[in-house]
PDB file of N, CA and C in Angstrom:
ATOM      1  N   MET A   1       0.479  -0.799  -0.017  1.00  0.00           N
ATOM      2  CA  MET A   1       0.281   0.221   0.020  1.00  0.00           C
ATOM      3  C   MET A   1       0.947   1.361   0.194  1.00  0.00           C
ATOM      4  N   GLU A   2       2.273   0.798  -0.076  1.00  0.00           N
ATOM      5  CA  GLU A   2       2.991   2.510   0.374  1.00  0.00           C
ATOM      6  C   GLU A   2       2.982   2.724  -1.132  1.00  0.00           C
ATOM      7  N   ASP A   3       2.917   2.214  -2.177  1.00  0.00           N
ATOM      8  CA  ASP A   3       3.385   2.752  -3.400  1.00  0.00           C
ATOM      9  C   ASP A   3       2.313   2.947  -4.414  1.00  0.00           C
ATOM     10  N   ALA A   4       0.415   2.805  -3.217  1.00  0.00           N
ATOM     11  CA  ALA A   4       0.211   3.560  -3.970  1.00  0.00           C
ATOM     12  C   ALA A   4      -0.934   4.598  -5.305  1.00  0.00           C
ATOM     13  N   GLY A   5       0.288   6.102  -3.920  1.00  0.00           N
ATOM     14  CA  GLY A   5       0.700   7.298  -4.415  1.00  0.00           C
ATOM     15  C   GLY A   5       1.226   7.121  -5.884  1.00  0.00           C
ATOM     16  N   PHE A   6       1.748   6.444  -5.951  1.00  0.00           N
ATOM     17  CA  PHE A   6       2.825   6.349  -6.921  1.00  0.00           C
ATOM     18  C   PHE A   6       2.051   5.922  -8.197  1.00  0.00           C
ATOM     19  N   ILE A   7       1.371   4.484  -8.132  1.00  0.00           N
ATOM     20  CA  ILE A   7       0.487   3.828  -9.436  1.00  0.00           C
ATOM     21  C   ILE A   7      -0.190   5.195  -9.466  1.00  0.00           C
ATOM     22  N   LEU A   8      -1.402   5.647  -8.872  1.00  0.00           N
ATOM     23  CA  LEU A   8      -1.900   6.493  -8.937  1.00  0.00           C
ATOM     24  C   LEU A   8      -1.545   7.915 -10.149  1.00  0.00           C
ATOM     25  N   GLY A   9      -0.505   8.005 -10.204  1.00  0.00           N
ATOM     26  CA  GLY A   9      -0.029   9.411 -10.149  1.00  0.00           C
ATOM     27  C   GLY A   9       0.168   8.850 -11.269  1.00  0.00           C
ATOM     28  N   SER A  10       1.049   7.892 -11.545  1.00  0.00           N
ATOM     29  CA  SER A  10       1.185   7.147 -13.039  1.00  0.00           C
ATOM     30  C   SER A  10      -0.136   6.958 -13.707  1.00  0.00           C
ATOM     31  N   TYR A  11      -1.493   6.201 -13.394  1.00  0.00           N
ATOM     32  CA  TYR A  11      -2.135   6.287 -14.267  1.00  0.00           C
ATOM     33  C   TYR A  11      -2.781   7.824 -14.718  1.00  0.00           C
ATOM     34  N   LEU A  12      -2.869   8.771 -13.255  1.00  0.00           N
ATOM     35  CA  LEU A  12      -3.866   9.770 -13.574  1.00  0.00           C
ATOM     36  C   LEU A  12      -2.824  10.969 -15.196  1.00  0.00           C
ATOM     37  N   LEU A  13      -1.355  10.425 -14.907  1.00  0.00           N
ATOM     38  CA  LEU A  13      -0.133  11.372 -15.613  1.00  0.00           C
ATOM     39  C   LEU A  13      -0.695  10.917 -16.952  1.00  0.00           C
ATOM     40  N   THR A  14      -0.411   9.505 -17.023  1.00  0.00           N
ATOM     41  CA  THR A  14      -0.801   8.664 -18.213  1.00  0.00           C
ATOM     42  C   THR A  14      -2.307   8.633 -19.069  1.00  0.00           C
ATOM     43  N   PHE A  15      -3.657   8.702 -17.958  1.00  0.00           N
ATOM     44  CA  PHE A  15      -4.655   9.681 -18.968  1.00  0.00           C
ATOM     45  C   PHE A  15      -4.043  10.930 -18.726  1.00  0.00           C
ATOM     46  N   ALA A  16      -3.716  11.651 -18.944  1.00  0.00           N
ATOM     47  CA  ALA A  16      -3.214  13.451 -19.093  1.00  0.00           C
ATOM     48  C   ALA A  16      -2.842  13.909 -20.396  1.00  0.00           C
ATOM     49  N   ALA A  17      -1.405  12.350 -20.080  1.00  0.00           N
ATOM     50  CA  ALA A  17      -1.551  12.533 -22.118  1.00  0.00           C
ATOM     51  C   ALA A  17      -1.803  12.269 -22.858  1.00  0.00           C
ATOM     52  N   VAL A  18      -2.667  11.045 -23.132  1.00  0.00           N
ATOM     53  CA  VAL A  18      -3.809  10.583 -23.301  1.00  0.00           C
ATOM     54  C   VAL A  18      -4.616  11.659 -23.930  1.00  0.00           C
ATOM     55  N   ALA A  19      -5.427  12.151 -23.004  1.00  0.00           N
ATOM     56  CA  ALA A  19      -6.251  12.535 -23.162  1.00  0.00           C
ATOM     57  C   ALA A  19      -6.037  14.020 -24.293  1.00  0.00           C
ATOM     58  N   ALA A  20      -4.406  14.591 -23.893  1.00  0.00           N
ATOM     59  CA  ALA A  20      -3.724  15.856 -24.452  1.00  0.00           C
ATOM     60  C   ALA A  20      -3.818  15.558 -25.688  1.00  0.00           C
ATOM     61  N   PHE A  21      -2.791  14.379 -26.114  1.00  0.00           N
ATOM     62  CA  PHE A  21      -2.420  13.852 -27.465  1.00  0.00           C
ATOM     63  C   PHE A  21      -4.185  14.132 -28.919  1.00  0.00           C
ATOM     64  N   SER A  22      -4.858  13.109 -27.770  1.00  0.00           N
ATOM     65  CA  SER A  22      -6.062  13.465 -28.244  1.00  0.00           C
ATOM     66  C   SER A  22      -6.918  14.560 -28.854  1.00  0.00           C
ATOM     67  N   TRP A  23      -6.989  15.561 -28.018  1.00  0.00           N
ATOM     68  CA  TRP A  23      -7.823  16.568 -27.841  1.00  0.00           C
ATOM     69  C   TRP A  23      -6.475  17.385 -29.040  1.00  0.00           C
ATOM     70  N   ARG A  24      -5.052  17.788 -28.891  1.00  0.00           N
ATOM     71  CA  ARG A  24      -4.132  17.812 -30.291  1.00  0.00           C
ATOM     72  C   ARG A  24      -4.477  17.570 -31.564  1.00  0.00           C
ATOM     73  N   THR A  25      -4.676  16.598 -31.552  1.00  0.00           N
ATOM     74  CA  THR A  25      -4.346  15.684 -32.917  1.00  0.00           C
ATOM     75  C   THR A  25      -6.469  15.814 -33.517  1.00  0.00           C
ATOM     76  N   LEU A  26      -7.747  15.665 -32.645  1.00  0.00           N
ATOM     77  CA  LEU A  26      -8.412  15.883 -33.704  1.00  0.00           C
ATOM     78  C   LEU A  26      -8.765  17.993 -33.943  1.00  0.00           C
ATOM     79  N   ARG A  27      -8.301  19.120 -33.047  1.00  0.00           N
ATOM     80  CA  ARG A  27      -7.724  20.008 -33.108  1.00  0.00           C
ATOM     81  C   ARG A  27      -7.348  20.478 -34.674  1.00  0.00           C
ATOM     82  N   ALA A  28      -6.068  19.458 -35.097  1.00  0.00           N
ATOM     83  CA  ALA A  28      -5.243  19.961 -35.654  1.00  0.00           C
ATOM     84  C   ALA A  28      -5.932  19.561 -36.979  1.00  0.00           C
ATOM     85  N   GLY A  29      -7.224  17.883 -36.963  1.00  0.00           N
ATOM     86  CA  GLY A  29      -7.278  17.513 -37.870  1.00  0.00           C
ATOM     87  C   GLY A  29      -8.711  18.208 -38.610  1.00  0.00           C
ATOM     88  N   ARG A  30      -9.613  18.892 -37.843  1.00  0.00           N
ATOM     89  CA  ARG A  30     -10.576  20.041 -38.039  1.00  0.00           C
ATOM     90  C   ARG A  30      -9.263  21.071 -38.550  1.00  0.00           C
ATOM     91  N   LYS A  31      -8.529  21.433 -38.188  1.00  0.00           N
ATOM     92  CA  LYS A  31      -8.180  22.619 -38.904  1.00  0.00           C
ATOM     93  C   LYS A  31      -8.434  22.083 -40.082  1.00  0.00           C
ATOM     94  N   LEU A  32      -6.855  21.427 -40.799  1.00  0.00           N
ATOM     95  CA  LEU A  32      -7.275  20.673 -41.454  1.00  0.00           C
ATOM     96  C   LEU A  32      -8.460  20.475 -42.627  1.00  0.00           C
ATOM     97  N   ALA A  33      -9.207  19.840 -42.144  1.00  0.00           N
ATOM     98  CA  ALA A  33     -10.385  19.463 -42.808  1.00  0.00           C
ATOM     99  C   ALA A  33     -11.133  21.494 -43.027  1.00  0.00           C
ATOM    100  N   ASP A  34     -10.958  22.404 -42.367  1.00  0.00           N
ATOM    101  CA  ASP A  34     -11.287  23.165 -43.069  1.00  0.00           C
ATOM    102  C   ASP A  34     -10.916  23.483 -44.482  1.00  0.00           C
ATOM    103  N   GLN A  35      -9.617  23.200 -44.867  1.00  0.00           N
ATOM    104  CA  GLN A  35      -9.124  23.218 -45.782  1.00  0.00           C
ATOM    105  C   GLN A  35      -9.202  22.807 -47.309  1.00  0.00           C
ATOM    106  N   VAL A  36     -10.095  21.691 -47.064  1.00  0.00           N
ATOM    107  CA  VAL A  36     -10.290  21.235 -48.381  1.00  0.00           C
ATOM    108  C   VAL A  36     -11.593  21.601 -48.563  1.00  0.00           C
ATOM    109  N   PRO A  37     -11.150  21.884 -50.439  1.00  0.00           N
ATOM    110  CA  PRO A  37     -12.656  22.455 -50.770  1.00  0.00           C
ATOM    111  C   PRO A  37     -13.786  21.443 -50.330  1.00  0.00           C
ATOM    112  N   ALA A  38     -14.569  22.857 -50.584  1.00  0.00           N
ATOM    113  CA  ALA A  38     -16.167  21.242 -50.070  1.00  0.00           C
ATOM    114  C   ALA A  38     -16.550  20.432 -51.354  1.00  0.00           C
ATOM    115  N   ASP A  39     -16.471  20.401 -52.464  1.00  0.00           N
ATOM    116  CA  ASP A  39     -16.742  19.441 -53.249  1.00  0.00           C
ATOM    117  C   ASP A  39     -16.173  18.275 -53.080  1.00  0.00           C
ATOM    118  N   ASP A  40     -14.869  18.327 -52.326  1.00  0.00           N
ATOM    119  CA  ASP A  40     -13.627  17.023 -52.590  1.00  0.00           C
ATOM    120  C   ASP A  40     -13.784  16.605 -50.836  1.00  0.00           C
ATOM    121  N   ARG A  41     -14.753  17.142 -50.491  1.00  0.00           N
ATOM    122  CA  ARG A  41     -14.885  16.445 -48.736  1.00  0.00           C
ATOM    123  C   ARG A  41     -15.856  15.038 -48.708  1.00  0.00           C
ATOM    124  N   TYR A  42     -15.479  13.849 -48.756  1.00  0.00           N
ATOM    125  CA  TYR A  42     -16.302  12.437 -48.856  1.00  0.00           C
ATOM    126  C   TYR A  42     -17.018  12.737 -47.264  1.00  0.00           C
ATOM    127  N   TRP A  43     -16.848  12.725 -46.237  1.00  0.00           N
ATOM    128  CA  TRP A  43     -16.902  12.516 -44.800  1.00  0.00           C
ATOM    129  C   TRP A  43     -18.345  13.511 -44.788  1.00  0.00           C
ATOM    130  N   ARG A  44     -18.401  14.589 -45.565  1.00  0.00           N
ATOM    131  CA  ARG A  44     -19.771  15.752 -45.311  1.00  0.00           C
ATOM    132  C   ARG A  44     -21.120  15.657 -46.286  1.00  0.00           C
TER     133      ARG A  44
END
């Protein structure tokens, strides 16, 4: 039980890193999607 803080902190740090990476990737994707002409957008 002595290492619980280290383990929980590691999980928290990992979750925060994955969330930040996901947010940054989605934001960049939306920014790039705006640069594609409307008639070339197959997803809309």
